[in-house]
Amino acid sequence: MEGEGKREERKWAITWEGFVQELKKAGYLAAPMVAVSVLQYLLQVVSVIIVGHLGALALSSAAIATSITNVTGFSLLSGMAGGLETLAGQAYGAKQYQKLGTYTYSAIISLIIMCPPICVLWIFIGKLLPLLGQDTSISQEACKYSMWLIPALFGGAVLKPLTRYLQTQSVILPMLITSSFILCFHTISCWTLVYKLQLGQKGAAIAYSLSTWLNVILLGLYVKFSSACEKTRAPLSREALYGIREFFQLGVPSAIMVCLKWWSMELLILLSGLFKNPKLETSVLSICLTISTLHFTIPYGFGAAASTRVSNELGAGNPQLARMAVLVALFLAGIESVIVSSGLFLSRQVLGYAYSNDRQVVRYISVMTPLICLSFIMDSLQAVLSGVARGSGWQKIGAYINLGSFYLVGLPLAAVLGFVAHLRGKGLWIGILAGSFVQSVLLSIVTACTDWNKQATKARERVFERRSSMKDEEK
């Protein structure tokens, strides 16, 4: 009995030691990834702020163009790049280093292929927006802004795979340094182009495109010459073309998983314009969405860390370490959500003054704040679980879950509470919050029921079977 007690004690000691070790690894990845996410998000915020001082027309058109280009373009690229987190992360864990570089080429080619159809849509935004009830002058200016963002779209098709390439190797510091520099460069160049060169709002779009490509160049130079990427650098070859199909199989459901929720939040803003006081409702919900989006950049960093750790350990054939990575990431996200939501709740009476001096708006935001706090908790949980999905390779399941959560539960309930129950903006947000709750519960169930040994086997098969098939084709 005494021997069994000592073995049990040793078992718990090893488990706790493993938890602490994984906590260190996750913290090392998550902290800089959070900073990178925030810095990249602030690029568009800076653009809108600088343009906002040009007047109401410039602000509204830039805001609409930013929203549309995010929904129809940048979110698609970001979502599809999630497929690379599975392929590259598992290849790195399996020590198939050259494959990581090849997969990155496949992702870049795939995303570039996606850009031309998106560009066509952006070019005709000026004609499409009036059909949706938007003012003609605002639509025309939004179209001009969008067209100057086209270079940034192609830059993003290269940048997003590059960031995943570095992320899956846990090489985060270069991204942190370049993101900090790019934000400073963007702020100065945006102000110069808009005011000094008097290019107006299109100057902000040009500055964003320049910043995106400068980031591509800086990270590209690092990848080219750094010893940290020596093992994973690979020449461009036919294998990259062969990998496009495999990338799309994971990238498309990954994009759907990301975009379905993004689109549901944008639909929320459109629905708010149908209330009796659309100016107030739209303003308040836009502010709430801005707060929620800004916060989401924090748990997104935890999700990126979870994706990297899970994919690496599955590729290395360590299922229990992958499971430990999930638990640690959820632990970190839980602590963060409680701290941030508590701080936001305590400041609910003055929060609105950061966005408006209108007392009606401030009071409305104070009423909405408890719901935003609950959204923080749900967002933190689903950001990590979505990262686990990307790292494991079950993006299709995540896409189905998001479709059911937001379009079968969230949006219908939001419409009922907002318009039938007359809860207005509060009802819309409760509906989406319910969708987030269903999403988090379903993702939690899938994660809890995951057979990590089976996932590790699948990861190894994914990496090594493709190698065998490539050799057969070459013969």
Protein backbone atom coordinates (compact mmCIF):
# COMPACT_ATOMS: atom_id res chain seq x y z
CA MET A 1 0.00 0.00 0.00
CA GLU A 2 2.81 2.34 0.85
CA GLY A 3 4.52 1.61 -2.47
CA GLU A 4 1.31 2.33 -4.40
CA GLY A 5 0.90 5.62 -2.53
CA LYS A 6 4.42 6.69 -3.47
CA ARG A 7 3.84 5.77 -7.11
CA GLU A 8 0.59 7.76 -7.14
CA GLU A 9 2.31 10.74 -5.52
CA ARG A 10 5.09 10.51 -8.10
CA LYS A 11 2.49 10.35 -10.88
CA TRP A 12 0.88 13.60 -9.69
CA ALA A 13 4.30 15.24 -9.25
CA ILE A 14 5.25 14.38 -12.84
CA THR A 15 1.88 15.65 -14.08
CA TRP A 16 2.31 18.94 -12.23
CA GLU A 17 5.87 19.25 -13.51
CA GLY A 18 4.64 18.66 -17.05
CA PHE A 19 1.92 21.28 -16.60
CA VAL A 20 4.47 23.85 -15.41
CA GLN A 21 6.82 23.05 -18.29
CA GLU A 22 4.00 23.37 -20.82
CA LEU A 23 2.90 26.60 -19.14
CA LYS A 24 6.37 28.05 -19.76
CA LYS A 25 6.34 26.97 -23.41
CA ALA A 26 2.83 28.31 -23.99
CA GLY A 27 3.63 31.59 -22.24
CA TYR A 28 6.75 32.02 -24.35
CA LEU A 29 4.63 31.67 -27.48
CA ALA A 30 1.40 33.36 -26.39
CA ALA A 31 2.77 36.61 -24.95
CA PRO A 32 4.53 37.83 -28.12
CA MET A 33 1.72 36.47 -30.33
CA VAL A 34 -0.78 38.58 -28.38
CA ALA A 35 1.40 41.63 -28.96
CA VAL A 36 1.75 40.82 -32.67
CA SER A 37 -2.04 40.42 -33.03
CA VAL A 38 -2.73 43.74 -31.32
CA LEU A 39 -0.09 45.60 -33.34
CA GLN A 40 -1.41 44.25 -36.65
CA TYR A 41 -5.00 45.12 -35.71
CA LEU A 42 -3.98 48.67 -34.84
CA LEU A 43 -2.86 49.34 -38.42
CA GLN A 44 -6.44 49.67 -39.64
CA VAL A 45 -7.47 51.52 -36.47
CA VAL A 46 -4.79 54.14 -37.10
CA SER A 47 -5.96 54.52 -40.70
CA VAL A 48 -9.57 55.16 -39.68
CA ILE A 49 -8.57 57.57 -36.91
CA ILE A 50 -6.41 59.68 -39.24
CA VAL A 51 -9.05 59.69 -41.97
CA GLY A 52 -11.70 60.58 -39.41
CA HIS A 53 -10.32 64.10 -39.09
CA LEU A 54 -11.05 64.77 -42.77
CA GLY A 55 -14.79 64.87 -42.16
CA ALA A 56 -17.91 62.74 -41.91
CA LEU A 57 -17.89 61.58 -45.55
CA ALA A 58 -14.26 60.42 -45.42
CA LEU A 59 -14.78 58.67 -42.08
CA SER A 60 -17.96 56.84 -43.06
CA SER A 61 -16.62 55.74 -46.45
CA ALA A 62 -13.31 54.55 -44.98
CA ALA A 63 -15.13 52.69 -42.19
CA ILE A 64 -17.47 50.97 -44.66
CA ALA A 65 -14.60 50.12 -47.03
CA THR A 66 -12.55 48.71 -44.14
CA SER A 67 -15.47 46.56 -43.02
CA ILE A 68 -16.22 45.24 -46.51
CA THR A 69 -12.59 44.52 -47.42
CA ASN A 70 -12.14 42.71 -44.12
CA VAL A 71 -15.24 40.58 -44.62
CA THR A 72 -14.75 39.76 -48.30
CA GLY A 73 -10.95 39.69 -48.51
CA PHE A 74 -8.62 39.84 -45.56
CA SER A 75 -10.72 37.53 -43.38
CA LEU A 76 -10.77 34.93 -46.16
CA LEU A 77 -6.98 35.03 -46.51
CA SER A 78 -6.48 34.88 -42.75
CA GLY A 79 -8.90 31.98 -42.43
CA MET A 80 -7.39 30.00 -45.29
CA ALA A 81 -3.90 30.49 -43.86
CA GLY A 82 -5.17 28.47 -40.88
CA GLY A 83 -4.77 25.37 -43.04
CA LEU A 84 -1.03 25.97 -42.97
CA GLU A 85 -1.07 25.76 -39.17
CA THR A 86 -2.08 22.11 -39.50
CA LEU A 87 0.26 21.13 -42.33
CA ALA A 88 3.35 23.13 -41.38
CA GLY A 89 2.96 22.64 -37.63
CA GLN A 90 2.66 18.87 -37.88
CA ALA A 91 5.49 18.67 -40.43
CA TYR A 92 7.75 20.62 -38.07
CA GLY A 93 6.84 18.35 -35.17
CA ALA A 94 7.64 15.32 -37.32
CA LYS A 95 11.03 16.90 -38.17
CA GLN A 96 10.16 17.04 -41.87
CA TYR A 97 11.63 20.52 -42.05
CA GLN A 98 11.81 20.91 -45.83
CA LYS A 99 8.11 20.16 -46.06
CA LEU A 100 7.37 23.18 -43.89
CA GLY A 101 8.92 25.45 -46.51
CA THR A 102 7.16 23.61 -49.34
CA TYR A 103 3.79 23.86 -47.60
CA THR A 104 4.37 27.60 -47.20
CA TYR A 105 4.91 27.99 -50.95
CA SER A 106 1.70 26.02 -51.56
CA ALA A 107 -0.19 28.37 -49.24
CA ILE A 108 1.21 31.52 -50.87
CA ILE A 109 0.31 30.28 -54.37
CA SER A 110 -3.18 29.28 -53.19
CA LEU A 111 -3.90 32.63 -51.56
CA ILE A 112 -2.64 34.56 -54.59
CA ILE A 113 -5.05 32.53 -56.74
CA MET A 114 -7.88 33.72 -54.47
CA CYS A 115 -7.04 37.42 -54.91
CA PRO A 116 -8.24 38.27 -58.47
CA PRO A 117 -11.93 37.36 -57.88
CA ILE A 118 -11.86 39.41 -54.68
CA CYS A 119 -10.35 42.35 -56.57
CA VAL A 120 -13.22 42.27 -59.08
CA LEU A 121 -15.70 42.52 -56.21
CA TRP A 122 -13.84 45.46 -54.70
CA ILE A 123 -13.74 47.30 -58.04
CA PHE A 124 -17.53 47.16 -58.28
CA ILE A 125 -18.25 48.09 -54.66
CA GLY A 126 -19.31 51.57 -55.82
CA LYS A 127 -22.19 50.01 -57.77
CA LEU A 128 -23.06 47.27 -55.28
CA LEU A 129 -23.37 49.36 -52.12
CA PRO A 130 -26.22 51.58 -53.42
CA LEU A 131 -28.19 48.38 -54.09
CA LEU A 132 -27.88 47.68 -50.35
CA GLY A 133 -29.28 51.10 -49.47
CA GLN A 134 -26.00 52.98 -48.99
CA ASP A 135 -25.61 56.61 -49.99
CA THR A 136 -24.15 57.02 -53.50
CA SER A 137 -21.41 59.48 -52.52
CA ILE A 138 -20.28 57.28 -49.62
CA SER A 139 -20.30 54.24 -51.91
CA GLN A 140 -18.12 55.94 -54.52
CA GLU A 141 -15.56 57.05 -51.93
CA ALA A 142 -15.57 53.59 -50.33
CA CYS A 143 -14.88 52.09 -53.75
CA LYS A 144 -11.84 54.35 -54.23
CA TYR A 145 -10.52 53.39 -50.80
CA SER A 146 -11.03 49.69 -51.51
CA MET A 147 -9.23 49.82 -54.84
CA TRP A 148 -6.13 51.31 -53.21
CA LEU A 149 -6.19 48.36 -50.78
CA ILE A 150 -5.79 45.84 -53.62
CA PRO A 151 -1.96 45.86 -53.32
CA ALA A 152 -2.40 45.11 -49.60
CA LEU A 153 -4.58 42.13 -50.51
CA PHE A 154 -1.82 40.57 -52.59
CA GLY A 155 0.67 41.48 -49.86
CA GLY A 156 -1.51 39.72 -47.33
CA ALA A 157 -1.52 36.61 -49.54
CA VAL A 158 2.24 36.41 -48.93
CA LEU A 159 2.37 37.84 -45.40
CA LYS A 160 -0.13 35.52 -43.75
CA PRO A 161 1.61 32.29 -44.83
CA LEU A 162 4.95 33.83 -43.81
CA THR A 163 3.66 34.54 -40.30
CA ARG A 164 2.28 30.99 -40.01
CA TYR A 165 5.62 29.65 -41.28
CA LEU A 166 7.42 31.40 -38.42
CA GLN A 167 4.68 30.75 -35.87
CA THR A 168 4.73 26.98 -36.36
CA GLN A 169 8.46 27.01 -35.61
CA SER A 170 7.91 29.16 -32.48
CA VAL A 171 9.96 31.94 -34.08
CA ILE A 172 7.89 34.85 -32.76
CA LEU A 173 10.37 37.59 -31.83
CA PRO A 174 11.08 38.68 -35.44
CA MET A 175 7.33 39.16 -36.02
CA LEU A 176 7.06 41.21 -32.84
CA ILE A 177 9.94 43.47 -33.88
CA THR A 178 8.71 43.95 -37.45
CA SER A 179 5.10 44.54 -36.33
CA SER A 180 6.22 47.25 -33.92
CA PHE A 181 8.31 48.92 -36.62
CA ILE A 182 5.53 48.63 -39.21
CA LEU A 183 3.00 50.29 -36.88
CA CYS A 184 5.34 53.26 -36.41
CA PHE A 185 6.04 53.41 -40.15
CA HIS A 186 2.33 53.20 -40.97
CA THR A 187 1.38 55.97 -38.55
CA ILE A 188 3.97 58.36 -40.02
CA SER A 189 3.38 57.43 -43.67
CA CYS A 190 -0.41 57.56 -43.29
CA TRP A 191 -0.32 61.04 -41.74
CA THR A 192 2.16 62.22 -44.40
CA LEU A 193 0.17 60.89 -47.35
CA VAL A 194 -3.20 62.07 -46.03
CA TYR A 195 -2.26 65.58 -44.85
CA LYS A 196 1.16 66.62 -46.15
CA LEU A 197 0.76 65.22 -49.67
CA GLN A 198 -2.99 65.95 -49.51
CA LEU A 199 -4.04 62.60 -50.93
CA GLY A 200 -7.03 62.46 -48.61
CA GLN A 201 -8.53 59.15 -47.56
CA LYS A 202 -6.87 57.22 -50.39
CA GLY A 203 -3.55 58.16 -48.76
CA ALA A 204 -4.49 55.99 -45.77
CA ALA A 205 -5.20 53.02 -48.06
CA ILE A 206 -1.90 53.55 -49.91
CA ALA A 207 -0.07 53.70 -46.57
CA TYR A 208 -1.69 50.42 -45.49
CA SER A 209 -0.62 48.74 -48.74
CA LEU A 210 2.94 50.06 -48.36
CA SER A 211 3.07 48.87 -44.74
CA THR A 212 1.85 45.40 -45.70
CA TRP A 213 4.49 44.96 -48.40
CA LEU A 214 7.23 46.39 -46.18
CA ASN A 215 6.31 43.77 -43.60
CA VAL A 216 6.51 41.08 -46.30
CA ILE A 217 9.97 42.29 -47.33
CA LEU A 218 11.31 42.42 -43.77
CA LEU A 219 10.04 38.95 -42.83
CA GLY A 220 11.13 37.59 -46.21
CA LEU A 221 14.67 38.85 -45.65
CA TYR A 222 14.68 37.30 -42.19
CA VAL A 223 13.55 33.94 -43.56
CA LYS A 224 16.14 34.15 -46.35
CA PHE A 225 19.18 34.95 -44.22
CA SER A 226 18.42 33.87 -40.64
CA SER A 227 20.03 30.72 -39.26
CA ALA A 228 16.80 30.06 -37.34
CA CYS A 229 15.10 29.16 -40.64
CA GLU A 230 18.03 27.30 -42.16
CA LYS A 231 16.49 23.84 -41.76
CA THR A 232 13.06 24.81 -43.05
CA ARG A 233 14.06 26.86 -46.10
CA ALA A 234 13.13 24.98 -49.24
CA PRO A 235 13.48 25.79 -52.93
CA LEU A 236 10.36 26.44 -54.98
CA SER A 237 9.57 23.18 -56.74
CA ARG A 238 6.79 21.17 -58.36
CA GLU A 239 5.97 19.71 -54.95
CA ALA A 240 4.59 23.11 -53.93
CA LEU A 241 2.11 22.90 -56.82
CA TYR A 242 1.14 19.37 -55.84
CA GLY A 243 0.45 20.62 -52.31
CA ILE A 244 -2.15 23.20 -53.42
CA ARG A 245 -4.97 20.65 -53.40
CA GLU A 246 -4.06 19.44 -49.91
CA PHE A 247 -3.85 23.00 -48.68
CA PHE A 248 -7.30 23.87 -50.07
CA GLN A 249 -8.78 20.81 -48.35
CA LEU A 250 -7.84 22.32 -45.00
CA GLY A 251 -7.75 26.02 -45.92
CA VAL A 252 -11.31 26.32 -47.23
CA PRO A 253 -13.05 24.91 -44.12
CA SER A 254 -10.63 26.93 -42.00
CA ALA A 255 -11.72 30.10 -43.83
CA ILE A 256 -15.38 29.17 -43.43
CA MET A 257 -14.83 28.59 -39.72
CA VAL A 258 -13.34 32.10 -39.32
CA CYS A 259 -15.66 33.97 -41.67
CA LEU A 260 -19.00 32.60 -40.47
CA LYS A 261 -18.68 34.30 -37.10
CA TRP A 262 -17.12 37.45 -38.61
CA TRP A 263 -20.01 37.77 -41.03
CA SER A 264 -22.59 37.23 -38.29
CA MET A 265 -21.19 40.20 -36.35
CA GLU A 266 -21.32 42.40 -39.43
CA LEU A 267 -24.94 41.33 -40.04
CA LEU A 268 -25.64 42.45 -36.49
CA ILE A 269 -24.61 46.00 -37.39
CA LEU A 270 -26.80 45.94 -40.50
CA LEU A 271 -29.81 44.76 -38.47
CA SER A 272 -29.30 47.55 -35.94
CA GLY A 273 -29.98 50.07 -38.72
CA LEU A 274 -33.59 48.82 -38.92
CA PHE A 275 -34.59 50.08 -35.46
CA LYS A 276 -36.50 53.32 -34.80
CA ASN A 277 -33.35 55.18 -33.76
CA PRO A 278 -30.81 53.65 -36.17
CA LYS A 279 -28.12 56.27 -35.50
CA LEU A 280 -28.01 55.45 -31.78
CA GLU A 281 -28.35 51.68 -32.19
CA THR A 282 -25.74 51.42 -34.92
CA SER A 283 -23.30 53.67 -33.06
CA VAL A 284 -23.57 51.69 -29.82
CA LEU A 285 -23.32 48.27 -31.47
CA SER A 286 -20.37 49.45 -33.56
CA ILE A 287 -18.60 50.56 -30.38
CA CYS A 288 -19.40 47.25 -28.68
CA LEU A 289 -18.08 45.35 -31.70
CA THR A 290 -14.90 47.46 -31.69
CA ILE A 291 -14.31 46.69 -28.01
CA SER A 292 -14.99 42.99 -28.55
CA THR A 293 -12.73 42.80 -31.61
CA LEU A 294 -9.89 44.58 -29.84
CA HIS A 295 -10.12 42.13 -26.96
CA PHE A 296 -10.25 39.15 -29.32
CA THR A 297 -6.69 39.89 -30.44
CA ILE A 298 -5.56 38.76 -26.96
CA PRO A 299 -7.11 35.26 -26.83
CA TYR A 300 -6.22 34.88 -30.51
CA GLY A 301 -2.60 34.86 -29.36
CA PHE A 302 -3.41 32.03 -26.95
CA GLY A 303 -5.18 30.20 -29.78
CA ALA A 304 -2.15 30.61 -32.05
CA ALA A 305 0.09 29.24 -29.29
CA ALA A 306 -2.29 26.31 -28.76
CA SER A 307 -2.35 25.59 -32.49
CA THR A 308 1.44 25.57 -32.67
CA ARG A 309 1.96 23.40 -29.60
CA VAL A 310 -0.78 20.91 -30.53
CA SER A 311 0.32 20.57 -34.17
CA ASN A 312 4.00 20.21 -33.20
CA GLU A 313 3.33 17.53 -30.59
CA LEU A 314 0.91 15.60 -32.80
CA GLY A 315 3.45 15.64 -35.63
CA ALA A 316 6.11 14.43 -33.20
CA GLY A 317 3.84 11.59 -32.08
CA ASN A 318 3.30 12.92 -28.53
CA PRO A 319 -0.50 12.83 -28.02
CA GLN A 320 -0.41 13.34 -24.25
CA LEU A 321 1.74 16.45 -24.59
CA ALA A 322 -0.73 17.76 -27.16
CA ARG A 323 -3.54 17.20 -24.66
CA MET A 324 -1.52 18.99 -21.99
CA ALA A 325 -1.04 21.94 -24.37
CA VAL A 326 -4.83 22.22 -24.72
CA LEU A 327 -5.36 22.27 -20.95
CA VAL A 328 -2.67 24.91 -20.42
CA ALA A 329 -4.02 27.15 -23.18
CA LEU A 330 -7.53 26.95 -21.71
CA PHE A 331 -6.11 27.76 -18.28
CA LEU A 332 -4.36 30.88 -19.60
CA ALA A 333 -7.40 32.01 -21.58
CA GLY A 334 -9.65 31.52 -18.56
CA ILE A 335 -7.47 33.69 -16.32
CA GLU A 336 -7.20 36.39 -18.99
CA SER A 337 -10.95 36.53 -19.63
CA VAL A 338 -11.80 36.82 -15.93
CA ILE A 339 -9.28 39.61 -15.35
CA VAL A 340 -10.20 41.65 -18.43
CA SER A 341 -13.97 41.21 -18.11
CA SER A 342 -13.84 42.14 -14.41
CA GLY A 343 -11.93 45.32 -15.20
CA LEU A 344 -14.35 46.22 -17.98
CA PHE A 345 -17.38 45.61 -15.76
CA LEU A 346 -16.01 47.86 -13.01
CA SER A 347 -15.46 50.65 -15.54
CA ARG A 348 -18.85 50.29 -17.23
CA GLN A 349 -20.12 53.71 -16.10
CA VAL A 350 -17.27 55.60 -17.78
CA LEU A 351 -16.40 53.25 -20.64
CA GLY A 352 -18.63 55.04 -23.12
CA TYR A 353 -16.79 58.35 -22.70
CA ALA A 354 -13.78 56.81 -24.47
CA TYR A 355 -15.88 56.78 -27.66
CA SER A 356 -18.51 59.48 -27.28
CA ASN A 357 -19.56 62.48 -25.18
CA ASP A 358 -23.23 61.79 -25.83
CA ARG A 359 -24.78 60.79 -22.49
CA GLN A 360 -27.39 58.63 -24.18
CA VAL A 361 -24.64 56.63 -25.89
CA VAL A 362 -22.65 56.38 -22.65
CA ARG A 363 -25.67 55.08 -20.70
CA TYR A 364 -26.51 52.58 -23.43
CA ILE A 365 -22.95 51.24 -23.44
CA SER A 366 -23.03 50.85 -19.64
CA VAL A 367 -26.12 48.66 -20.06
CA MET A 368 -24.39 46.61 -22.79
CA THR A 369 -21.13 46.17 -20.84
CA PRO A 370 -22.18 43.08 -18.81
CA LEU A 371 -23.06 41.35 -22.08
CA ILE A 372 -19.70 42.35 -23.57
CA CYS A 373 -18.00 40.83 -20.49
CA LEU A 374 -19.77 37.53 -21.12
CA SER A 375 -18.68 37.77 -24.77
CA PHE A 376 -15.08 38.14 -23.59
CA ILE A 377 -15.32 34.83 -21.73
CA MET A 378 -16.89 33.03 -24.69
CA ASP A 379 -14.39 34.56 -27.14
CA SER A 380 -11.42 33.49 -25.04
CA LEU A 381 -12.69 29.92 -24.83
CA GLN A 382 -13.54 29.58 -28.52
CA ALA A 383 -10.31 31.29 -29.67
CA VAL A 384 -8.26 28.59 -27.94
CA LEU A 385 -10.52 25.75 -29.07
CA SER A 386 -10.43 27.06 -32.64
CA GLY A 387 -6.64 27.08 -32.40
CA VAL A 388 -6.79 23.46 -31.25
CA ALA A 389 -8.99 22.68 -34.27
CA ARG A 390 -6.46 24.25 -36.64
CA GLY A 391 -3.57 22.44 -34.99
CA SER A 392 -5.37 19.09 -35.07
CA GLY A 393 -6.75 19.41 -38.59
CA TRP A 394 -10.49 19.19 -37.86
CA GLN A 395 -11.43 22.52 -39.42
CA LYS A 396 -14.43 20.95 -41.18
CA ILE A 397 -16.00 20.10 -37.84
CA GLY A 398 -15.34 23.66 -36.67
CA ALA A 399 -17.00 25.05 -39.80
CA TYR A 400 -20.16 22.99 -39.24
CA ILE A 401 -20.25 24.03 -35.58
CA ASN A 402 -19.98 27.73 -36.46
CA LEU A 403 -22.65 27.41 -39.13
CA GLY A 404 -25.11 25.84 -36.71
CA SER A 405 -24.21 28.06 -33.75
CA PHE A 406 -24.56 31.43 -35.45
CA TYR A 407 -26.95 30.87 -38.35
CA LEU A 408 -29.34 28.36 -36.81
CA VAL A 409 -29.22 29.69 -33.24
CA GLY A 410 -27.48 33.06 -32.86
CA LEU A 411 -28.89 35.23 -35.65
CA PRO A 412 -32.50 33.90 -35.53
CA LEU A 413 -32.58 34.39 -31.76
CA ALA A 414 -31.05 37.86 -32.17
CA ALA A 415 -33.79 38.84 -34.63
CA VAL A 416 -36.53 37.55 -32.32
CA LEU A 417 -35.16 39.28 -29.21
CA GLY A 418 -34.32 42.50 -31.05
CA PHE A 419 -37.50 43.00 -33.07
CA VAL A 420 -40.22 40.79 -31.57
CA ALA A 421 -39.26 41.16 -27.89
CA HIS A 422 -38.30 44.83 -28.54
CA LEU A 423 -34.98 44.53 -26.75
CA ARG A 424 -33.33 46.34 -29.68
CA GLY A 425 -29.51 46.28 -29.68
CA LYS A 426 -29.41 44.42 -26.39
CA GLY A 427 -31.51 41.64 -27.87
CA LEU A 428 -29.27 41.40 -30.94
CA TRP A 429 -26.19 41.04 -28.77
CA ILE A 430 -27.86 38.44 -26.52
CA GLY A 431 -28.67 36.40 -29.62
CA ILE A 432 -25.08 36.41 -30.85
CA LEU A 433 -23.90 35.69 -27.30
CA ALA A 434 -26.16 32.63 -27.27
CA GLY A 435 -24.58 31.56 -30.56
CA SER A 436 -21.12 31.98 -29.03
CA PHE A 437 -22.20 29.89 -26.03
CA VAL A 438 -23.43 27.06 -28.27
CA GLN A 439 -20.22 27.29 -30.30
CA SER A 440 -18.04 27.09 -27.19
CA VAL A 441 -20.02 24.16 -25.76
CA LEU A 442 -19.84 22.15 -29.00
CA LEU A 443 -16.13 22.86 -29.50
CA SER A 444 -15.52 21.84 -25.88
CA ILE A 445 -17.39 18.56 -26.37
CA VAL A 446 -15.45 17.76 -29.55
CA THR A 447 -12.15 18.57 -27.84
CA ALA A 448 -13.02 16.56 -24.73
CA CYS A 449 -14.00 13.54 -26.84
CA THR A 450 -10.92 13.72 -29.05
CA ASP A 451 -8.80 10.58 -29.17
CA TRP A 452 -5.34 12.18 -29.08
CA ASN A 453 -3.58 8.92 -29.92
CA LYS A 454 -5.67 8.69 -33.08
CA GLN A 455 -4.99 12.35 -33.91
CA ALA A 456 -1.24 11.77 -33.55
CA THR A 457 -1.46 8.77 -35.88
CA LYS A 458 -3.38 10.83 -38.45
CA ALA A 459 -0.81 13.62 -38.23
CA ARG A 460 2.07 11.22 -38.86
CA GLU A 461 0.20 9.64 -41.76
CA ARG A 462 -0.56 13.07 -43.25
CA VAL A 463 3.11 14.03 -43.19
CA PHE A 464 4.73 10.77 -44.27
CA GLU A 465 2.14 9.42 -46.71
CA ARG A 466 2.44 12.53 -48.84
CA ARG A 467 6.18 12.02 -48.93
CA SER A 468 5.71 8.47 -50.21
CA SER A 469 3.15 9.53 -52.82
CA MET A 470 5.48 12.25 -54.09
CA LYS A 471 8.28 9.71 -54.55
CA ASP A 472 5.94 7.40 -56.47
CA GLU A 473 4.89 10.24 -58.78
CA GLU A 474 8.51 11.17 -59.45
CA LYS A 475 9.22 7.56 -60.46
